[in-house]
Amino acid sequence: MKLLYAEDEETMAEAVVDILTYHNYLVDTVADGAEALAYAQNGDYDGIILDVMMPKMDGLEVLSRLREMGCRTPILLLTAKGAVEDRVAGLDLGADDYLPKPFVMEEFLARVRAMLRRREAFTPEILQYDDVTLHGGTFQLRRNGEAVTLPKLEYRLMEVLIRNQGIYLSSEDLLVKVWGYNTEAELGTVWVYLSYLRKRLAKLGSRVKIKGRRGIGYTLEVGQ
């Protein structure tokens, strides 16, 4: 699962990112509301965590703009302990949940899990392209009763390709969508993981191929 986390307190941000990463979430971190809005518009996130009090644009305004744009990604607001009005306003603007600060990490993780379960209520757990299916619950790629279990990043890469059928995504696009804006991975990593997926598809005997066009990008297609 890939999350966007907006928090301007550096110490808090580091602690939260550490705990989320430990629990196998991919996290992009930003430090102000304007950056949070830009990332949310251009990224592909399973959930968004917004601190209300941020420079440039507060969390409530970011939330309001995203919902006006039709963004359905679940959003968890982090509010000041006594700011009841922020909680009410946030829920009215379309937040899925809120958590007063300071909080304990166990409750924070529970709220994140609950937020992501709500996403699953309207996001198909099984994605299909021609003769293969991708299963979110098991991280399996299947064809005709045969299955291979994908590591997290391979699963995420296949998910992005299936969700963008017919669209060529550049190596840079794939790097951001799968590894995140803040990754230290290089473009060569994308090519390596595409190679892994090609071998998985071939092992299953699938007609699905990963097609690349020089200078344009990659997409899925059905081979002959």
C-alpha atoms as a PDB file:
ATOM      1  CA  MET A   1       0.000   0.000   0.000  1.00  0.00           C
ATOM      2  CA  LYS A   2       1.253   3.468  -0.884  1.00  0.00           C
ATOM      3  CA  LEU A   3       0.537   6.472   1.347  1.00  0.00           C
ATOM      4  CA  LEU A   4       1.009  10.236   1.153  1.00  0.00           C
ATOM      5  CA  TYR A   5       1.850  11.792   4.531  1.00  0.00           C
ATOM      6  CA  ALA A   6       1.796  15.578   4.995  1.00  0.00           C
ATOM      7  CA  GLU A   7       3.410  16.859   8.211  1.00  0.00           C
ATOM      8  CA  ASP A   8       5.545  19.939   8.818  1.00  0.00           C
ATOM      9  CA  GLU A   9       7.012  18.805  12.154  1.00  0.00           C
ATOM     10  CA  GLU A  10      10.224  17.080  11.099  1.00  0.00           C
ATOM     11  CA  THR A  11      10.649  14.926  14.218  1.00  0.00           C
ATOM     12  CA  MET A  12       7.051  13.711  14.059  1.00  0.00           C
ATOM     13  CA  ALA A  13       7.317  13.025  10.342  1.00  0.00           C
ATOM     14  CA  GLU A  14      10.453  10.911  10.788  1.00  0.00           C
ATOM     15  CA  ALA A  15       8.886   8.838  13.567  1.00  0.00           C
ATOM     16  CA  VAL A  16       5.677   8.196  11.623  1.00  0.00           C
ATOM     17  CA  VAL A  17       7.494   7.318   8.398  1.00  0.00           C
ATOM     18  CA  ASP A  18       9.723   4.887  10.307  1.00  0.00           C
ATOM     19  CA  ILE A  19       6.749   3.048  11.809  1.00  0.00           C
ATOM     20  CA  LEU A  20       4.823   2.964   8.514  1.00  0.00           C
ATOM     21  CA  THR A  21       7.850   1.704   6.600  1.00  0.00           C
ATOM     22  CA  TYR A  22       8.433  -0.958   9.251  1.00  0.00           C
ATOM     23  CA  HIS A  23       4.872  -2.157   8.616  1.00  0.00           C
ATOM     24  CA  ASN A  24       5.540  -2.418   4.861  1.00  0.00           C
ATOM     25  CA  TYR A  25       3.844   0.752   3.643  1.00  0.00           C
ATOM     26  CA  LEU A  26       5.403   2.860   0.897  1.00  0.00           C
ATOM     27  CA  VAL A  27       5.349   6.499   2.025  1.00  0.00           C
ATOM     28  CA  ASP A  28       5.826   9.833   0.285  1.00  0.00           C
ATOM     29  CA  THR A  29       6.342  12.653   2.810  1.00  0.00           C
ATOM     30  CA  VAL A  30       5.723  16.363   2.253  1.00  0.00           C
ATOM     31  CA  ALA A  31       6.056  19.305   4.620  1.00  0.00           C
ATOM     32  CA  ASP A  32       3.389  21.792   3.500  1.00  0.00           C
ATOM     33  CA  GLY A  33      -0.136  21.860   2.123  1.00  0.00           C
ATOM     34  CA  ALA A  34       0.709  23.117  -1.347  1.00  0.00           C
ATOM     35  CA  GLU A  35       3.125  20.245  -1.850  1.00  0.00           C
ATOM     36  CA  ALA A  36       0.571  17.802  -0.450  1.00  0.00           C
ATOM     37  CA  LEU A  37      -2.014  18.935  -3.001  1.00  0.00           C
ATOM     38  CA  ALA A  38       0.459  18.630  -5.876  1.00  0.00           C
ATOM     39  CA  TYR A  39       1.561  15.151  -4.843  1.00  0.00           C
ATOM     40  CA  ALA A  40      -2.025  13.975  -4.319  1.00  0.00           C
ATOM     41  CA  GLN A  41      -3.034  15.222  -7.764  1.00  0.00           C
ATOM     42  CA  ASN A  42      -0.112  13.606  -9.563  1.00  0.00           C
ATOM     43  CA  GLY A  43       0.482  10.476  -7.487  1.00  0.00           C
ATOM     44  CA  ASP A  44      -1.343   7.189  -7.178  1.00  0.00           C
ATOM     45  CA  TYR A  45      -2.039   6.677  -3.476  1.00  0.00           C
ATOM     46  CA  ASP A  46      -4.057   4.158  -1.509  1.00  0.00           C
ATOM     47  CA  GLY A  47      -4.487   6.612   1.372  1.00  0.00           C
ATOM     48  CA  ILE A  48      -3.593  10.184   2.383  1.00  0.00           C
ATOM     49  CA  ILE A  49      -2.704  11.407   5.893  1.00  0.00           C
ATOM     50  CA  LEU A  50      -2.968  15.167   6.379  1.00  0.00           C
ATOM     51  CA  ASP A  51      -1.966  17.274   9.359  1.00  0.00           C
ATOM     52  CA  VAL A  52      -4.438  20.154   9.665  1.00  0.00           C
ATOM     53  CA  MET A  53      -1.905  22.788  10.711  1.00  0.00           C
ATOM     54  CA  MET A  54       0.559  23.184   7.837  1.00  0.00           C
ATOM     55  CA  PRO A  55       2.258  26.126   6.104  1.00  0.00           C
ATOM     56  CA  LYS A  56       1.197  27.465   2.685  1.00  0.00           C
ATOM     57  CA  MET A  57      -2.156  25.613   2.777  1.00  0.00           C
ATOM     58  CA  ASP A  58      -3.759  23.904   5.753  1.00  0.00           C
ATOM     59  CA  GLY A  59      -4.985  20.332   5.691  1.00  0.00           C
ATOM     60  CA  LEU A  60      -8.650  21.303   5.526  1.00  0.00           C
ATOM     61  CA  GLU A  61      -8.105  23.312   2.360  1.00  0.00           C
ATOM     62  CA  VAL A  62      -6.130  20.476   0.795  1.00  0.00           C
ATOM     63  CA  LEU A  63      -8.952  18.090   1.691  1.00  0.00           C
ATOM     64  CA  SER A  64     -11.594  20.439   0.289  1.00  0.00           C
ATOM     65  CA  ARG A  65      -9.768  20.900  -3.018  1.00  0.00           C
ATOM     66  CA  LEU A  66      -9.163  17.193  -3.483  1.00  0.00           C
ATOM     67  CA  ARG A  67     -12.806  16.333  -2.910  1.00  0.00           C
ATOM     68  CA  GLU A  68     -13.899  19.108  -5.280  1.00  0.00           C
ATOM     69  CA  MET A  69     -11.648  17.540  -7.926  1.00  0.00           C
ATOM     70  CA  GLY A  70     -13.392  14.209  -7.457  1.00  0.00           C
ATOM     71  CA  CYS A  71     -10.560  12.501  -5.578  1.00  0.00           C
ATOM     72  CA  ARG A  72     -11.975   9.476  -3.711  1.00  0.00           C
ATOM     73  CA  THR A  73      -8.756   8.420  -2.004  1.00  0.00           C
ATOM     74  CA  PRO A  74      -9.394   7.870   1.730  1.00  0.00           C
ATOM     75  CA  ILE A  75      -8.056  10.704   3.882  1.00  0.00           C
ATOM     76  CA  LEU A  76      -7.105  10.646   7.573  1.00  0.00           C
ATOM     77  CA  LEU A  77      -6.794  14.031   9.299  1.00  0.00           C
ATOM     78  CA  LEU A  78      -4.416  14.673  12.179  1.00  0.00           C
ATOM     79  CA  THR A  79      -5.865  17.427  14.371  1.00  0.00           C
ATOM     80  CA  ALA A  80      -4.860  19.316  17.491  1.00  0.00           C
ATOM     81  CA  LYS A  81      -6.273  17.632  20.598  1.00  0.00           C
ATOM     82  CA  GLY A  82      -8.717  20.402  21.495  1.00  0.00           C
ATOM     83  CA  ALA A  83      -9.673  21.491  17.965  1.00  0.00           C
ATOM     84  CA  VAL A  84     -13.176  20.016  17.832  1.00  0.00           C
ATOM     85  CA  GLU A  85     -14.169  22.475  15.109  1.00  0.00           C
ATOM     86  CA  ASP A  86     -11.400  21.124  12.845  1.00  0.00           C
ATOM     87  CA  ARG A  87     -12.677  17.583  13.279  1.00  0.00           C
ATOM     88  CA  VAL A  88     -16.245  18.572  12.469  1.00  0.00           C
ATOM     89  CA  ALA A  89     -15.164  20.662   9.482  1.00  0.00           C
ATOM     90  CA  GLY A  90     -12.947  17.860   8.217  1.00  0.00           C
ATOM     91  CA  LEU A  91     -15.713  15.267   8.346  1.00  0.00           C
ATOM     92  CA  ASP A  92     -18.097  17.674   6.632  1.00  0.00           C
ATOM     93  CA  LEU A  93     -15.531  18.253   3.873  1.00  0.00           C
ATOM     94  CA  GLY A  94     -15.192  14.534   3.212  1.00  0.00           C
ATOM     95  CA  ALA A  95     -12.474  13.210   5.514  1.00  0.00           C
ATOM     96  CA  ASP A  96     -12.795   9.500   6.262  1.00  0.00           C
ATOM     97  CA  ASP A  97     -11.459   9.766   9.819  1.00  0.00           C
ATOM     98  CA  TYR A  98      -9.524  11.996  12.183  1.00  0.00           C
ATOM     99  CA  LEU A  99      -7.011  11.413  14.968  1.00  0.00           C
ATOM    100  CA  PRO A 100      -6.177  14.001  17.639  1.00  0.00           C
ATOM    101  CA  LYS A 101      -2.511  14.736  18.351  1.00  0.00           C
ATOM    102  CA  PRO A 102      -0.582  13.596  20.296  1.00  0.00           C
ATOM    103  CA  PHE A 103      -1.444   9.957  19.612  1.00  0.00           C
ATOM    104  CA  VAL A 104       0.033   6.543  20.313  1.00  0.00           C
ATOM    105  CA  MET A 105       1.399   4.683  17.323  1.00  0.00           C
ATOM    106  CA  GLU A 106      -0.787   1.615  17.901  1.00  0.00           C
ATOM    107  CA  GLU A 107      -3.951   3.678  17.488  1.00  0.00           C
ATOM    108  CA  PHE A 108      -2.479   5.533  14.523  1.00  0.00           C
ATOM    109  CA  LEU A 109      -1.737   2.248  12.730  1.00  0.00           C
ATOM    110  CA  ALA A 110      -5.244   0.992  13.523  1.00  0.00           C
ATOM    111  CA  ARG A 111      -6.751   4.157  11.979  1.00  0.00           C
ATOM    112  CA  VAL A 112      -4.588   3.725   8.875  1.00  0.00           C
ATOM    113  CA  ARG A 113      -5.717   0.114   8.488  1.00  0.00           C
ATOM    114  CA  ALA A 114      -9.360   1.145   8.914  1.00  0.00           C
ATOM    115  CA  MET A 115      -8.920   3.904   6.315  1.00  0.00           C
ATOM    116  CA  LEU A 116      -7.471   1.452   3.815  1.00  0.00           C
ATOM    117  CA  ARG A 117     -10.286  -1.033   4.420  1.00  0.00           C
ATOM    118  CA  ARG A 118     -12.738   1.675   3.369  1.00  0.00           C
ATOM    119  CA  ARG A 119     -10.749   2.117   0.171  1.00  0.00           C
ATOM    120  CA  GLU A 120     -11.090  -1.595  -0.516  1.00  0.00           C
ATOM    121  CA  ALA A 121     -14.859  -1.239  -0.270  1.00  0.00           C
ATOM    122  CA  PHE A 122     -14.888   0.512  -3.642  1.00  0.00           C
ATOM    123  CA  THR A 123     -11.588  -0.640  -5.169  1.00  0.00           C
ATOM    124  CA  PRO A 124     -11.676  -4.100  -6.787  1.00  0.00           C
ATOM    125  CA  GLU A 125      -9.384  -6.535  -4.998  1.00  0.00           C
ATOM    126  CA  ILE A 126      -9.028  -8.568  -8.198  1.00  0.00           C
ATOM    127  CA  LEU A 127      -7.759  -6.820 -11.323  1.00  0.00           C
ATOM    128  CA  GLN A 128      -7.827  -8.496 -14.720  1.00  0.00           C
ATOM    129  CA  TYR A 129      -6.115  -7.998 -18.041  1.00  0.00           C
ATOM    130  CA  ASP A 130      -6.916 -10.543 -20.741  1.00  0.00           C
ATOM    131  CA  ASP A 131      -5.961 -14.007 -19.390  1.00  0.00           C
ATOM    132  CA  VAL A 132      -4.288 -12.935 -16.127  1.00  0.00           C
ATOM    133  CA  THR A 133      -5.728 -11.746 -12.817  1.00  0.00           C
ATOM    134  CA  LEU A 134      -3.957  -9.893 -10.024  1.00  0.00           C
ATOM    135  CA  HIS A 135      -5.205 -10.644  -6.504  1.00  0.00           C
ATOM    136  CA  GLY A 136      -4.697  -7.956  -3.877  1.00  0.00           C
ATOM    137  CA  GLY A 137      -5.376 -10.175  -0.892  1.00  0.00           C
ATOM    138  CA  THR A 138      -2.668 -12.707  -1.735  1.00  0.00           C
ATOM    139  CA  PHE A 139      -0.327 -10.717  -4.022  1.00  0.00           C
ATOM    140  CA  GLN A 140      -0.783 -13.480  -6.592  1.00  0.00           C
ATOM    141  CA  LEU A 141      -0.693 -13.240 -10.374  1.00  0.00           C
ATOM    142  CA  ARG A 142      -2.872 -16.026 -11.790  1.00  0.00           C
ATOM    143  CA  ARG A 143      -3.728 -17.640 -15.100  1.00  0.00           C
ATOM    144  CA  ASN A 144      -5.867 -20.739 -15.692  1.00  0.00           C
ATOM    145  CA  GLY A 145      -5.511 -22.038 -12.143  1.00  0.00           C
ATOM    146  CA  GLU A 146      -1.755 -21.437 -11.950  1.00  0.00           C
ATOM    147  CA  ALA A 147      -0.361 -18.729  -9.709  1.00  0.00           C
ATOM    148  CA  VAL A 148       2.856 -16.973  -8.740  1.00  0.00           C
ATOM    149  CA  THR A 149       3.157 -14.857  -5.599  1.00  0.00           C
ATOM    150  CA  LEU A 150       4.714 -11.470  -6.335  1.00  0.00           C
ATOM    151  CA  PRO A 151       7.004  -9.522  -3.992  1.00  0.00           C
ATOM    152  CA  LYS A 152       5.539  -6.184  -2.938  1.00  0.00           C
ATOM    153  CA  LEU A 153       7.220  -3.992  -5.564  1.00  0.00           C
ATOM    154  CA  GLU A 154       6.522  -6.406  -8.410  1.00  0.00           C
ATOM    155  CA  TYR A 155       2.878  -6.512  -7.332  1.00  0.00           C
ATOM    156  CA  ARG A 156       2.704  -2.734  -7.210  1.00  0.00           C
ATOM    157  CA  LEU A 157       4.288  -2.425 -10.670  1.00  0.00           C
ATOM    158  CA  MET A 158       1.843  -4.936 -12.174  1.00  0.00           C
ATOM    159  CA  GLU A 159      -1.051  -3.157 -10.482  1.00  0.00           C
ATOM    160  CA  VAL A 160      -0.024   0.187 -11.992  1.00  0.00           C
ATOM    161  CA  LEU A 161       0.282  -1.360 -15.459  1.00  0.00           C
ATOM    162  CA  ILE A 162      -3.152  -3.002 -15.256  1.00  0.00           C
ATOM    163  CA  ARG A 163      -4.815   0.152 -13.948  1.00  0.00           C
ATOM    164  CA  ASN A 164      -3.339   2.123 -16.854  1.00  0.00           C
ATOM    165  CA  GLN A 165      -4.295  -0.217 -19.695  1.00  0.00           C
ATOM    166  CA  GLY A 166      -3.598   1.296 -23.105  1.00  0.00           C
ATOM    167  CA  ILE A 167      -1.479   4.090 -21.636  1.00  0.00           C
ATOM    168  CA  TYR A 168       2.285   4.248 -22.098  1.00  0.00           C
ATOM    169  CA  LEU A 169       3.997   5.100 -18.825  1.00  0.00           C
ATOM    170  CA  SER A 170       7.570   6.336 -18.922  1.00  0.00           C
ATOM    171  CA  SER A 171      10.265   4.895 -16.682  1.00  0.00           C
ATOM    172  CA  GLU A 172      10.061   8.100 -14.643  1.00  0.00           C
ATOM    173  CA  ASP A 173       6.277   7.701 -14.254  1.00  0.00           C
ATOM    174  CA  LEU A 174       6.666   4.123 -13.072  1.00  0.00           C
ATOM    175  CA  LEU A 175       9.429   5.054 -10.656  1.00  0.00           C
ATOM    176  CA  VAL A 176       7.228   7.683  -8.998  1.00  0.00           C
ATOM    177  CA  LYS A 177       4.039   5.588  -8.964  1.00  0.00           C
ATOM    178  CA  VAL A 178       5.692   2.456  -7.580  1.00  0.00           C
ATOM    179  CA  TRP A 179       8.685   3.614  -5.546  1.00  0.00           C
ATOM    180  CA  GLY A 180       7.462   7.112  -4.607  1.00  0.00           C
ATOM    181  CA  TYR A 181       8.700  10.666  -5.070  1.00  0.00           C
ATOM    182  CA  ASN A 182      11.294  10.371  -2.320  1.00  0.00           C
ATOM    183  CA  THR A 183      12.908   7.171  -3.517  1.00  0.00           C
ATOM    184  CA  GLU A 184      16.650   6.820  -3.974  1.00  0.00           C
ATOM    185  CA  ALA A 185      16.085   4.080  -6.568  1.00  0.00           C
ATOM    186  CA  GLU A 186      17.344   4.781 -10.080  1.00  0.00           C
ATOM    187  CA  LEU A 187      15.623   4.280 -13.424  1.00  0.00           C
ATOM    188  CA  GLY A 188      17.539   1.074 -13.944  1.00  0.00           C
ATOM    189  CA  THR A 189      15.588  -0.425 -11.057  1.00  0.00           C
ATOM    190  CA  VAL A 190      12.370  -0.016 -13.069  1.00  0.00           C
ATOM    191  CA  TRP A 191      13.864  -1.917 -16.008  1.00  0.00           C
ATOM    192  CA  VAL A 192      14.995  -4.728 -13.708  1.00  0.00           C
ATOM    193  CA  TYR A 193      11.514  -5.129 -12.219  1.00  0.00           C
ATOM    194  CA  LEU A 194       9.874  -5.018 -15.644  1.00  0.00           C
ATOM    195  CA  SER A 195      12.167  -7.877 -16.585  1.00  0.00           C
ATOM    196  CA  TYR A 196      11.053  -9.803 -13.492  1.00  0.00           C
ATOM    197  CA  LEU A 197       7.397  -9.355 -14.466  1.00  0.00           C
ATOM    198  CA  ARG A 198       8.034 -10.430 -18.051  1.00  0.00           C
ATOM    199  CA  LYS A 199       9.510 -13.688 -16.709  1.00  0.00           C
ATOM    200  CA  ARG A 200       6.506 -14.189 -14.396  1.00  0.00           C
ATOM    201  CA  LEU A 201       4.076 -13.770 -17.282  1.00  0.00           C
ATOM    202  CA  ALA A 202       6.095 -16.127 -19.474  1.00  0.00           C
ATOM    203  CA  LYS A 203       6.197 -18.712 -16.688  1.00  0.00           C
ATOM    204  CA  LEU A 204       2.397 -18.637 -16.504  1.00  0.00           C
ATOM    205  CA  GLY A 205       2.153 -19.015 -20.288  1.00  0.00           C
ATOM    206  CA  SER A 206       0.170 -15.783 -20.540  1.00  0.00           C
ATOM    207  CA  ARG A 207      -0.564 -13.953 -23.781  1.00  0.00           C
ATOM    208  CA  VAL A 208      -0.011 -10.686 -21.898  1.00  0.00           C
ATOM    209  CA  LYS A 209       3.220  -8.901 -22.752  1.00  0.00           C
ATOM    210  CA  ILE A 210       4.883  -5.771 -21.427  1.00  0.00           C
ATOM    211  CA  LYS A 211       5.490  -3.641 -24.504  1.00  0.00           C
ATOM    212  CA  GLY A 212       8.118  -0.928 -24.512  1.00  0.00           C
ATOM    213  CA  ARG A 213       8.567   1.947 -26.942  1.00  0.00           C
ATOM    214  CA  ARG A 214      11.876   3.734 -26.936  1.00  0.00           C
ATOM    215  CA  GLY A 215      11.517   7.269 -25.638  1.00  0.00           C
ATOM    216  CA  ILE A 216       7.823   6.752 -24.794  1.00  0.00           C
ATOM    217  CA  GLY A 217       7.353   4.121 -22.122  1.00  0.00           C
ATOM    218  CA  TYR A 218       5.707   0.822 -21.262  1.00  0.00           C
ATOM    219  CA  THR A 219       2.224  -0.672 -21.389  1.00  0.00           C
ATOM    220  CA  LEU A 220       0.496  -4.059 -21.422  1.00  0.00           C
ATOM    221  CA  GLU A 221      -0.606  -5.677 -24.667  1.00  0.00           C
ATOM    222  CA  VAL A 222      -1.931  -9.044 -25.765  1.00  0.00           C
ATOM    223  CA  GLY A 223       0.513 -10.984 -27.921  1.00  0.00           C
ATOM    224  CA  GLN A 224      -0.332 -13.332 -30.729  1.00  0.00           C
END
